[in-house]
N, C-alpha and C. Protein backbone atom coordinates (compact mmCIF):
# COMPACT_ATOMS: atom_id res chain seq x y z
N MET A 1 48.95 -16.96 6.36
CA MET A 1 48.39 -16.04 5.39
C MET A 1 47.88 -14.80 6.13
N ALA A 2 47.90 -13.68 5.49
CA ALA A 2 47.58 -12.41 6.13
C ALA A 2 46.10 -12.27 6.48
N THR A 3 45.23 -13.03 5.83
CA THR A 3 43.81 -12.82 6.04
C THR A 3 43.17 -13.89 6.93
N GLN A 4 43.95 -14.61 7.69
CA GLN A 4 43.39 -15.61 8.58
C GLN A 4 42.58 -14.94 9.67
N LYS A 5 41.41 -15.51 9.96
CA LYS A 5 40.56 -14.96 10.99
C LYS A 5 41.12 -15.32 12.36
N THR A 6 41.32 -14.30 13.16
CA THR A 6 41.80 -14.50 14.52
C THR A 6 40.68 -14.12 15.47
N PRO A 7 40.76 -14.54 16.74
CA PRO A 7 39.70 -14.21 17.69
C PRO A 7 39.49 -12.70 17.85
N ASP A 8 40.52 -11.92 17.64
CA ASP A 8 40.38 -10.47 17.81
C ASP A 8 40.28 -9.75 16.46
N TYR A 9 39.75 -10.42 15.44
CA TYR A 9 39.62 -9.81 14.11
C TYR A 9 38.67 -8.62 14.20
N ASP A 10 39.09 -7.51 13.64
CA ASP A 10 38.29 -6.28 13.65
C ASP A 10 38.10 -5.83 12.21
N PRO A 11 36.86 -5.79 11.70
CA PRO A 11 36.63 -5.39 10.31
C PRO A 11 37.05 -3.94 10.04
N GLN A 12 37.12 -3.12 11.07
CA GLN A 12 37.54 -1.73 10.87
C GLN A 12 39.05 -1.61 10.66
N ASN A 13 39.81 -2.62 11.11
CA ASN A 13 41.26 -2.64 10.95
C ASN A 13 41.67 -3.97 10.33
N PRO A 14 41.46 -4.12 9.02
CA PRO A 14 41.75 -5.41 8.39
C PRO A 14 43.25 -5.68 8.32
N PRO A 15 43.64 -6.94 8.25
CA PRO A 15 45.06 -7.26 8.09
C PRO A 15 45.53 -6.83 6.70
N LEU A 16 46.72 -6.29 6.64
CA LEU A 16 47.28 -5.83 5.38
C LEU A 16 48.25 -6.85 4.81
N THR A 17 48.26 -6.99 3.50
CA THR A 17 49.27 -7.82 2.85
C THR A 17 50.57 -7.03 2.83
N ALA A 18 51.63 -7.69 2.42
CA ALA A 18 52.94 -7.02 2.36
C ALA A 18 52.90 -5.85 1.37
N GLY A 19 52.23 -6.03 0.25
CA GLY A 19 52.14 -4.96 -0.75
C GLY A 19 51.34 -3.77 -0.24
N GLU A 20 50.23 -4.05 0.43
CA GLU A 20 49.42 -2.96 0.99
C GLU A 20 50.18 -2.23 2.08
N TYR A 21 50.88 -2.98 2.90
CA TYR A 21 51.67 -2.37 3.96
C TYR A 21 52.76 -1.47 3.38
N LEU A 22 53.41 -1.93 2.32
CA LEU A 22 54.45 -1.14 1.67
C LEU A 22 53.88 0.13 1.05
N ARG A 23 52.76 0.01 0.35
CA ARG A 23 52.14 1.20 -0.26
C ARG A 23 51.70 2.20 0.79
N ALA A 24 51.14 1.71 1.89
CA ALA A 24 50.71 2.60 2.97
C ALA A 24 51.92 3.28 3.62
N SER A 25 52.99 2.52 3.83
CA SER A 25 54.20 3.10 4.44
C SER A 25 54.80 4.17 3.55
N TRP A 26 54.85 3.92 2.26
CA TRP A 26 55.39 4.90 1.31
C TRP A 26 54.54 6.17 1.31
N THR A 27 53.23 6.01 1.33
CA THR A 27 52.33 7.16 1.32
C THR A 27 52.46 7.95 2.62
N ILE A 28 52.59 7.28 3.73
CA ILE A 28 52.75 7.97 5.02
C ILE A 28 54.08 8.72 5.04
N ALA A 29 55.12 8.13 4.45
CA ALA A 29 56.41 8.83 4.37
C ALA A 29 56.28 10.09 3.53
N ARG A 30 55.52 10.03 2.45
CA ARG A 30 55.29 11.22 1.63
C ARG A 30 54.52 12.28 2.41
N MET A 31 53.56 11.83 3.24
CA MET A 31 52.81 12.77 4.06
C MET A 31 53.73 13.47 5.06
N CYS A 32 54.66 12.71 5.64
CA CYS A 32 55.61 13.30 6.58
C CYS A 32 56.50 14.33 5.89
N LYS A 33 56.94 14.00 4.69
CA LYS A 33 57.79 14.92 3.93
C LYS A 33 57.04 16.21 3.61
N ARG A 34 55.76 16.07 3.25
CA ARG A 34 54.96 17.27 2.97
C ARG A 34 54.73 18.10 4.22
N SER A 35 54.58 17.43 5.36
CA SER A 35 54.30 18.18 6.59
C SER A 35 55.51 19.01 7.01
N LEU A 36 56.70 18.61 6.59
CA LEU A 36 57.90 19.40 6.89
C LEU A 36 57.87 20.73 6.15
N ALA A 37 57.13 20.80 5.06
CA ALA A 37 57.05 22.03 4.28
C ALA A 37 56.23 23.10 5.00
N GLY A 38 55.37 22.70 5.90
CA GLY A 38 54.58 23.67 6.65
C GLY A 38 53.20 23.13 6.99
N ASP A 39 52.48 23.89 7.80
CA ASP A 39 51.16 23.45 8.25
C ASP A 39 50.08 23.66 7.19
N ASN A 40 50.31 24.51 6.23
CA ASN A 40 49.29 24.83 5.24
C ASN A 40 49.39 23.99 3.98
N VAL A 41 50.13 22.90 4.00
CA VAL A 41 50.31 22.05 2.83
C VAL A 41 49.11 21.12 2.70
N HIS A 42 48.60 21.00 1.47
CA HIS A 42 47.43 20.17 1.17
C HIS A 42 47.84 18.69 1.15
N GLN A 43 47.19 17.86 1.98
CA GLN A 43 47.51 16.43 2.03
C GLN A 43 46.29 15.55 1.82
N ALA A 44 45.17 16.13 1.40
CA ALA A 44 43.95 15.36 1.27
C ALA A 44 44.09 14.24 0.24
N ASP A 45 44.88 14.46 -0.81
CA ASP A 45 45.04 13.42 -1.82
C ASP A 45 45.74 12.19 -1.24
N LEU A 46 46.72 12.40 -0.38
CA LEU A 46 47.42 11.27 0.23
C LEU A 46 46.54 10.58 1.27
N GLU A 47 45.73 11.35 1.98
CA GLU A 47 44.81 10.76 2.96
C GLU A 47 43.78 9.87 2.25
N ARG A 48 43.29 10.32 1.08
CA ARG A 48 42.34 9.51 0.32
C ARG A 48 43.01 8.24 -0.18
N LYS A 49 44.29 8.33 -0.54
CA LYS A 49 45.02 7.15 -1.01
C LYS A 49 45.13 6.11 0.11
N ILE A 50 45.43 6.55 1.32
CA ILE A 50 45.48 5.64 2.47
C ILE A 50 44.11 5.01 2.69
N ASP A 51 43.04 5.81 2.60
CA ASP A 51 41.69 5.27 2.77
C ASP A 51 41.38 4.21 1.72
N ARG A 52 41.81 4.43 0.48
CA ARG A 52 41.57 3.44 -0.58
C ARG A 52 42.33 2.15 -0.32
N ILE A 53 43.54 2.25 0.18
CA ILE A 53 44.33 1.05 0.51
C ILE A 53 43.63 0.24 1.59
N ILE A 54 43.17 0.92 2.63
CA ILE A 54 42.49 0.23 3.73
C ILE A 54 41.15 -0.34 3.29
N ASP A 55 40.41 0.41 2.46
CA ASP A 55 39.13 -0.10 1.94
C ASP A 55 39.34 -1.35 1.10
N GLY A 56 40.39 -1.36 0.29
CA GLY A 56 40.70 -2.54 -0.52
C GLY A 56 41.06 -3.73 0.35
N ALA A 57 41.82 -3.50 1.40
CA ALA A 57 42.18 -4.58 2.33
C ALA A 57 40.94 -5.11 3.04
N ARG A 58 40.05 -4.21 3.41
CA ARG A 58 38.82 -4.64 4.08
C ARG A 58 37.96 -5.49 3.14
N ALA A 59 37.83 -5.06 1.89
CA ALA A 59 37.04 -5.81 0.91
C ALA A 59 37.66 -7.19 0.67
N ARG A 60 38.99 -7.25 0.56
CA ARG A 60 39.67 -8.51 0.35
C ARG A 60 39.48 -9.44 1.55
N ALA A 61 39.60 -8.90 2.75
CA ALA A 61 39.44 -9.72 3.96
C ALA A 61 38.02 -10.26 4.08
N GLU A 62 37.03 -9.44 3.77
CA GLU A 62 35.64 -9.89 3.83
C GLU A 62 35.36 -10.96 2.78
N LYS A 63 35.94 -10.79 1.60
CA LYS A 63 35.77 -11.78 0.54
C LYS A 63 36.41 -13.11 0.95
N ASP A 64 37.59 -13.04 1.55
CA ASP A 64 38.26 -14.26 2.01
C ASP A 64 37.45 -14.96 3.10
N LEU A 65 36.86 -14.18 4.00
CA LEU A 65 36.04 -14.79 5.07
C LEU A 65 34.81 -15.49 4.50
N LYS A 66 34.19 -14.87 3.48
CA LYS A 66 33.01 -15.49 2.87
C LYS A 66 33.38 -16.77 2.15
N ASN A 67 34.56 -16.80 1.54
CA ASN A 67 35.00 -17.99 0.80
C ASN A 67 35.35 -19.14 1.74
N ARG A 68 35.68 -18.85 2.98
CA ARG A 68 36.06 -19.88 3.94
C ARG A 68 34.85 -20.56 4.58
N LYS A 69 33.72 -19.90 4.54
CA LYS A 69 32.53 -20.47 5.20
C LYS A 69 31.88 -21.54 4.39
């Protein structure tokens, strides 16, 4: 399972599920496509989306750890 606690578990970099990994990859690809348009392209909306994906993964991982104790 993706949320198993390992000795090197880092709460700042939670494990991602397949769906979260796919959404993050798609968003990063969109960011790359936008960056090809030029340096002045606004990407803050996509950066916030990545932050929300990671925050959700962190919350899920912490919830799973609490349920295991």
